[in-house]
Amino acid sequence: MIDGWSTVSSTVEYTGVRVVVRRDSVRRADQSLGTYEYTESVDGVRVVALDDQGRIALVAENVYVCDQRLLMCPGGGCEPGEDPLAAARRELAEEAGIRAAEIELLTTMWRMPAGARTREHLYLARALSVGEHHRDPSEADMELHWVPLEQAVAMCGDGRITEAGTLAAVLLTAQRTTASPGSPTAGTV
């Protein structure tokens, strides 16, 4: 709890399969009262899979809630009780058919801090091997694209990549690595 704040009441307004909606009344440090409505769900992961040519794996997927087809790093929700690193490895293999000998945590961020008590764990995967994906039926429309890291950074700035976890993961990867400027493109998105 924030120093000087206290919870006056907390109620569950709705419980779904993957989300809980809560309403909390709080007393702030200055003694004013406030009400916060927010969701709770399992944490999520996004994985930047960087190959030895300086390309990253992006998946294009129809996202119902956004009513759009989005380009994202492979990822998704952790299963209840699942370690985020294990979830990152699972999602990378399921969505893209990629296995990584090396995975490092880039950061852990809040997905939407004013409205969701859920974190996103962002990873960088290297030393990749590519095989068959094992997508869920809801991911049947997913397509894998290999994009040079520099191009992905540009896509973050021009609106082609708009998902928050992917934006942060791509930009953090660019900050931490030096992809070769002349790396060939395997196709464009």
C-alpha atoms as a PDB file:
ATOM      1  CA  MET A   1       0.000   0.000   0.000  1.00  0.00           C
ATOM      2  CA  ILE A   2       1.160   3.522  -0.711  1.00  0.00           C
ATOM      3  CA  ASP A   3       2.607   5.206   2.387  1.00  0.00           C
ATOM      4  CA  GLY A   4      -0.204   6.970   4.255  1.00  0.00           C
ATOM      5  CA  TRP A   5      -3.015   5.354   2.236  1.00  0.00           C
ATOM      6  CA  SER A   6      -5.472   2.762   3.557  1.00  0.00           C
ATOM      7  CA  THR A   7      -8.151   0.612   1.976  1.00  0.00           C
ATOM      8  CA  VAL A   8     -11.594   1.387   3.401  1.00  0.00           C
ATOM      9  CA  SER A   9     -13.419  -1.298   1.405  1.00  0.00           C
ATOM     10  CA  SER A  10     -12.745  -3.647  -1.497  1.00  0.00           C
ATOM     11  CA  THR A  11     -15.400  -5.484  -3.489  1.00  0.00           C
ATOM     12  CA  VAL A  12     -15.296  -7.857  -6.425  1.00  0.00           C
ATOM     13  CA  GLU A  13     -17.770  -6.572  -9.020  1.00  0.00           C
ATOM     14  CA  TYR A  14     -17.255  -9.334 -11.572  1.00  0.00           C
ATOM     15  CA  THR A  15     -15.270 -12.565 -11.886  1.00  0.00           C
ATOM     16  CA  GLY A  16     -14.623 -13.990 -15.338  1.00  0.00           C
ATOM     17  CA  VAL A  17     -12.451 -16.781 -16.655  1.00  0.00           C
ATOM     18  CA  ARG A  18      -9.343 -14.594 -17.028  1.00  0.00           C
ATOM     19  CA  VAL A  19     -10.227 -11.322 -15.285  1.00  0.00           C
ATOM     20  CA  VAL A  20     -11.600  -9.944 -12.024  1.00  0.00           C
ATOM     21  CA  VAL A  21     -13.100  -6.443 -11.803  1.00  0.00           C
ATOM     22  CA  ARG A  22     -12.695  -4.736  -8.425  1.00  0.00           C
ATOM     23  CA  ARG A  23     -13.913  -1.517  -6.802  1.00  0.00           C
ATOM     24  CA  ASP A  24     -11.867  -0.205  -3.871  1.00  0.00           C
ATOM     25  CA  SER A  25     -12.553   2.755  -1.637  1.00  0.00           C
ATOM     26  CA  VAL A  26      -9.404   4.271  -0.162  1.00  0.00           C
ATOM     27  CA  ARG A  27      -8.341   6.983   2.231  1.00  0.00           C
ATOM     28  CA  ARG A  28      -5.346   8.896   0.887  1.00  0.00           C
ATOM     29  CA  ALA A  29      -2.541  10.384   2.994  1.00  0.00           C
ATOM     30  CA  ASP A  30      -4.294  13.771   2.982  1.00  0.00           C
ATOM     31  CA  GLN A  31      -7.410  11.996   4.391  1.00  0.00           C
ATOM     32  CA  SER A  32      -9.436  12.506   1.184  1.00  0.00           C
ATOM     33  CA  LEU A  33     -11.510   9.523  -0.009  1.00  0.00           C
ATOM     34  CA  GLY A  34     -11.265   7.985  -3.437  1.00  0.00           C
ATOM     35  CA  THR A  35     -12.744   5.127  -5.414  1.00  0.00           C
ATOM     36  CA  TYR A  36     -10.725   3.030  -7.840  1.00  0.00           C
ATOM     37  CA  GLU A  37     -12.186   0.541 -10.309  1.00  0.00           C
ATOM     38  CA  TYR A  38      -9.674  -1.796 -11.907  1.00  0.00           C
ATOM     39  CA  THR A  39      -9.104  -5.246 -13.313  1.00  0.00           C
ATOM     40  CA  GLU A  40      -6.888  -8.030 -12.024  1.00  0.00           C
ATOM     41  CA  SER A  41      -5.607 -10.807 -14.246  1.00  0.00           C
ATOM     42  CA  VAL A  42      -2.571 -13.006 -14.595  1.00  0.00           C
ATOM     43  CA  ASP A  43       0.641 -11.367 -15.727  1.00  0.00           C
ATOM     44  CA  GLY A  44       1.659 -11.455 -19.366  1.00  0.00           C
ATOM     45  CA  VAL A  45       4.842 -11.817 -21.382  1.00  0.00           C
ATOM     46  CA  ARG A  46       6.266 -10.499 -24.663  1.00  0.00           C
ATOM     47  CA  VAL A  47       9.415 -11.941 -26.218  1.00  0.00           C
ATOM     48  CA  VAL A  48      11.711 -10.276 -28.742  1.00  0.00           C
ATOM     49  CA  ALA A  49      13.265 -13.189 -30.635  1.00  0.00           C
ATOM     50  CA  LEU A  50      16.434 -11.744 -32.217  1.00  0.00           C
ATOM     51  CA  ASP A  51      18.165 -13.928 -34.795  1.00  0.00           C
ATOM     52  CA  ASP A  52      21.811 -13.867 -35.846  1.00  0.00           C
ATOM     53  CA  GLN A  53      20.952 -11.660 -38.847  1.00  0.00           C
ATOM     54  CA  GLY A  54      19.593  -8.863 -36.633  1.00  0.00           C
ATOM     55  CA  ARG A  55      15.957  -9.664 -37.376  1.00  0.00           C
ATOM     56  CA  ILE A  56      13.143 -10.068 -34.874  1.00  0.00           C
ATOM     57  CA  ALA A  57      10.080 -12.277 -35.028  1.00  0.00           C
ATOM     58  CA  LEU A  58       6.751 -10.455 -35.121  1.00  0.00           C
ATOM     59  CA  VAL A  59       3.351 -12.105 -35.343  1.00  0.00           C
ATOM     60  CA  ALA A  60       0.391 -10.497 -37.064  1.00  0.00           C
ATOM     61  CA  GLU A  61      -2.861 -11.422 -35.355  1.00  0.00           C
ATOM     62  CA  ASN A  62      -6.495 -10.356 -35.442  1.00  0.00           C
ATOM     63  CA  VAL A  63      -7.221  -8.957 -31.974  1.00  0.00           C
ATOM     64  CA  TYR A  64     -10.967  -8.911 -31.354  1.00  0.00           C
ATOM     65  CA  VAL A  65     -10.964  -6.434 -28.447  1.00  0.00           C
ATOM     66  CA  CYS A  66      -8.993  -3.878 -30.510  1.00  0.00           C
ATOM     67  CA  ASP A  67     -10.987  -4.643 -33.670  1.00  0.00           C
ATOM     68  CA  GLN A  68      -7.698  -4.668 -35.586  1.00  0.00           C
ATOM     69  CA  ARG A  69      -4.943  -6.880 -36.900  1.00  0.00           C
ATOM     70  CA  LEU A  70      -1.891  -6.079 -34.770  1.00  0.00           C
ATOM     71  CA  LEU A  71       1.821  -6.772 -35.161  1.00  0.00           C
ATOM     72  CA  MET A  72       3.283  -8.005 -31.890  1.00  0.00           C
ATOM     73  CA  CYS A  73       6.178  -9.881 -30.420  1.00  0.00           C
ATOM     74  CA  PRO A  74       5.126 -13.419 -29.520  1.00  0.00           C
ATOM     75  CA  GLY A  75       3.577 -13.511 -26.070  1.00  0.00           C
ATOM     76  CA  GLY A  76       0.446 -13.790 -24.015  1.00  0.00           C
ATOM     77  CA  GLY A  77      -0.809 -14.507 -20.547  1.00  0.00           C
ATOM     78  CA  CYS A  78       0.897 -16.581 -17.910  1.00  0.00           C
ATOM     79  CA  GLU A  79      -1.064 -19.598 -16.758  1.00  0.00           C
ATOM     80  CA  PRO A  80      -2.096 -19.359 -13.074  1.00  0.00           C
ATOM     81  CA  GLY A  81       1.021 -20.021 -10.995  1.00  0.00           C
ATOM     82  CA  GLU A  82       3.297 -20.174 -14.061  1.00  0.00           C
ATOM     83  CA  ASP A  83       6.715 -18.550 -13.839  1.00  0.00           C
ATOM     84  CA  PRO A  84       6.958 -15.669 -16.379  1.00  0.00           C
ATOM     85  CA  LEU A  85      10.159 -17.088 -17.910  1.00  0.00           C
ATOM     86  CA  ALA A  86       8.426 -20.437 -18.467  1.00  0.00           C
ATOM     87  CA  ALA A  87       5.470 -18.581 -20.003  1.00  0.00           C
ATOM     88  CA  ALA A  88       7.830 -16.671 -22.306  1.00  0.00           C
ATOM     89  CA  ARG A  89       9.410 -19.927 -23.526  1.00  0.00           C
ATOM     90  CA  ARG A  90       5.964 -21.528 -23.970  1.00  0.00           C
ATOM     91  CA  GLU A  91       4.449 -18.587 -25.867  1.00  0.00           C
ATOM     92  CA  LEU A  92       7.496 -18.248 -28.143  1.00  0.00           C
ATOM     93  CA  ALA A  93       7.265 -21.925 -29.096  1.00  0.00           C
ATOM     94  CA  GLU A  94       3.460 -21.988 -29.408  1.00  0.00           C
ATOM     95  CA  GLU A  95       3.019 -18.839 -31.504  1.00  0.00           C
ATOM     96  CA  ALA A  96       6.208 -18.796 -33.568  1.00  0.00           C
ATOM     97  CA  GLY A  97       7.737 -22.276 -33.308  1.00  0.00           C
ATOM     98  CA  ILE A  98      10.891 -20.700 -31.854  1.00  0.00           C
ATOM     99  CA  ARG A  99      13.113 -22.102 -29.141  1.00  0.00           C
ATOM    100  CA  ALA A 100      15.855 -19.995 -27.589  1.00  0.00           C
ATOM    101  CA  ALA A 101      19.065 -21.126 -25.903  1.00  0.00           C
ATOM    102  CA  GLU A 102      19.346 -17.690 -24.246  1.00  0.00           C
ATOM    103  CA  ILE A 103      16.539 -15.602 -22.744  1.00  0.00           C
ATOM    104  CA  GLU A 104      17.097 -12.513 -20.617  1.00  0.00           C
ATOM    105  CA  LEU A 105      14.617 -10.269 -18.855  1.00  0.00           C
ATOM    106  CA  LEU A 106      14.477  -6.791 -20.396  1.00  0.00           C
ATOM    107  CA  THR A 107      12.094  -5.342 -17.798  1.00  0.00           C
ATOM    108  CA  THR A 108       8.813  -5.826 -16.008  1.00  0.00           C
ATOM    109  CA  MET A 109       6.234  -3.105 -16.604  1.00  0.00           C
ATOM    110  CA  TRP A 110       2.665  -2.331 -15.615  1.00  0.00           C
ATOM    111  CA  ARG A 111       0.277  -2.968 -18.507  1.00  0.00           C
ATOM    112  CA  MET A 112      -2.132  -0.142 -17.679  1.00  0.00           C
ATOM    113  CA  PRO A 113      -1.381   1.133 -14.172  1.00  0.00           C
ATOM    114  CA  ALA A 114      -4.452   3.305 -13.685  1.00  0.00           C
ATOM    115  CA  GLY A 115      -6.878   0.541 -14.593  1.00  0.00           C
ATOM    116  CA  ALA A 116      -5.255  -2.882 -14.326  1.00  0.00           C
ATOM    117  CA  ARG A 117      -3.273  -4.634 -11.625  1.00  0.00           C
ATOM    118  CA  THR A 118      -1.330  -6.698 -14.144  1.00  0.00           C
ATOM    119  CA  ARG A 119       2.310  -6.691 -15.187  1.00  0.00           C
ATOM    120  CA  GLU A 120       3.994  -7.494 -18.476  1.00  0.00           C
ATOM    121  CA  HIS A 121       7.376  -9.268 -18.398  1.00  0.00           C
ATOM    122  CA  LEU A 122       9.484  -8.406 -21.440  1.00  0.00           C
ATOM    123  CA  TYR A 123      12.229 -10.762 -22.607  1.00  0.00           C
ATOM    124  CA  LEU A 124      14.978 -10.863 -25.208  1.00  0.00           C
ATOM    125  CA  ALA A 125      15.607 -14.291 -26.742  1.00  0.00           C
ATOM    126  CA  ARG A 126      18.734 -15.216 -28.721  1.00  0.00           C
ATOM    127  CA  ALA A 127      20.472 -18.317 -30.068  1.00  0.00           C
ATOM    128  CA  LEU A 128      17.253 -19.334 -31.786  1.00  0.00           C
ATOM    129  CA  SER A 129      16.098 -22.507 -33.473  1.00  0.00           C
ATOM    130  CA  VAL A 130      12.905 -22.455 -35.507  1.00  0.00           C
ATOM    131  CA  GLY A 131      10.512 -25.360 -35.797  1.00  0.00           C
ATOM    132  CA  GLU A 132       6.765 -25.898 -35.956  1.00  0.00           C
ATOM    133  CA  HIS A 133       4.403 -23.632 -34.060  1.00  0.00           C
ATOM    134  CA  HIS A 134       1.591 -25.028 -31.878  1.00  0.00           C
ATOM    135  CA  ARG A 135      -1.017 -22.263 -31.976  1.00  0.00           C
ATOM    136  CA  ASP A 136      -4.313 -22.293 -30.145  1.00  0.00           C
ATOM    137  CA  PRO A 137      -7.453 -22.283 -32.331  1.00  0.00           C
ATOM    138  CA  SER A 138      -7.889 -18.570 -31.512  1.00  0.00           C
ATOM    139  CA  GLU A 139      -4.450 -17.956 -33.091  1.00  0.00           C
ATOM    140  CA  ALA A 140      -5.147 -19.745 -36.375  1.00  0.00           C
ATOM    141  CA  ASP A 141      -4.988 -16.474 -38.337  1.00  0.00           C
ATOM    142  CA  MET A 142      -1.546 -15.605 -36.946  1.00  0.00           C
ATOM    143  CA  GLU A 143       1.327 -15.009 -39.383  1.00  0.00           C
ATOM    144  CA  LEU A 144       5.039 -14.925 -38.528  1.00  0.00           C
ATOM    145  CA  HIS A 145       7.198 -12.157 -40.024  1.00  0.00           C
ATOM    146  CA  TRP A 146      10.959 -11.632 -39.649  1.00  0.00           C
ATOM    147  CA  VAL A 147      11.787  -7.925 -39.586  1.00  0.00           C
ATOM    148  CA  PRO A 148      15.176  -6.223 -39.183  1.00  0.00           C
ATOM    149  CA  LEU A 149      15.403  -4.685 -35.718  1.00  0.00           C
ATOM    150  CA  GLU A 150      16.025  -1.226 -37.192  1.00  0.00           C
ATOM    151  CA  GLN A 151      12.842  -1.519 -39.249  1.00  0.00           C
ATOM    152  CA  ALA A 152      10.866  -2.658 -36.197  1.00  0.00           C
ATOM    153  CA  VAL A 153      12.079   0.425 -34.311  1.00  0.00           C
ATOM    154  CA  ALA A 154      10.829   2.597 -37.190  1.00  0.00           C
ATOM    155  CA  MET A 155       7.504   0.712 -37.117  1.00  0.00           C
ATOM    156  CA  CYS A 156       7.155   1.632 -33.429  1.00  0.00           C
ATOM    157  CA  GLY A 157       7.444   5.287 -34.398  1.00  0.00           C
ATOM    158  CA  ASP A 158       5.218   5.323 -37.465  1.00  0.00           C
ATOM    159  CA  GLY A 159       2.204   3.498 -36.027  1.00  0.00           C
ATOM    160  CA  ARG A 160       2.607   0.058 -37.584  1.00  0.00           C
ATOM    161  CA  ILE A 161       3.419  -1.406 -34.146  1.00  0.00           C
ATOM    162  CA  THR A 162       0.983  -0.156 -31.493  1.00  0.00           C
ATOM    163  CA  GLU A 163       0.812  -2.827 -28.766  1.00  0.00           C
ATOM    164  CA  ALA A 164       2.443  -1.433 -25.591  1.00  0.00           C
ATOM    165  CA  GLY A 165       4.468  -4.486 -24.566  1.00  0.00           C
ATOM    166  CA  THR A 166       5.858  -4.882 -28.079  1.00  0.00           C
ATOM    167  CA  LEU A 167       6.720  -1.183 -28.324  1.00  0.00           C
ATOM    168  CA  ALA A 168       8.652  -1.280 -25.062  1.00  0.00           C
ATOM    169  CA  ALA A 169      10.338  -4.619 -25.801  1.00  0.00           C
ATOM    170  CA  VAL A 170      11.496  -3.581 -29.287  1.00  0.00           C
ATOM    171  CA  LEU A 171      12.843  -0.228 -28.096  1.00  0.00           C
ATOM    172  CA  LEU A 172      14.615  -1.799 -25.103  1.00  0.00           C
ATOM    173  CA  THR A 173      16.147  -4.422 -27.384  1.00  0.00           C
ATOM    174  CA  ALA A 174      17.403  -1.729 -29.755  1.00  0.00           C
ATOM    175  CA  GLN A 175      18.891   0.106 -26.795  1.00  0.00           C
ATOM    176  CA  ARG A 176      20.676  -3.019 -25.488  1.00  0.00           C
ATOM    177  CA  THR A 177      21.939  -4.473 -28.738  1.00  0.00           C
ATOM    178  CA  THR A 178      23.731  -3.422 -31.848  1.00  0.00           C
ATOM    179  CA  ALA A 179      22.106  -5.041 -34.827  1.00  0.00           C
ATOM    180  CA  SER A 180      24.277  -4.889 -37.907  1.00  0.00           C
ATOM    181  CA  PRO A 181      23.133  -1.925 -40.052  1.00  0.00           C
ATOM    182  CA  GLY A 182      23.434  -3.879 -43.280  1.00  0.00           C
ATOM    183  CA  SER A 183      21.439  -6.903 -42.189  1.00  0.00           C
ATOM    184  CA  PRO A 184      19.334  -8.233 -45.060  1.00  0.00           C
ATOM    185  CA  THR A 185      15.573  -8.100 -44.865  1.00  0.00           C
ATOM    186  CA  ALA A 186      13.645 -11.338 -45.018  1.00  0.00           C
ATOM    187  CA  GLY A 187      10.492  -9.602 -46.119  1.00  0.00           C
ATOM    188  CA  THR A 188       8.491  -6.587 -45.174  1.00  0.00           C
ATOM    189  CA  VAL A 189       5.293  -6.232 -43.285  1.00  0.00           C
END
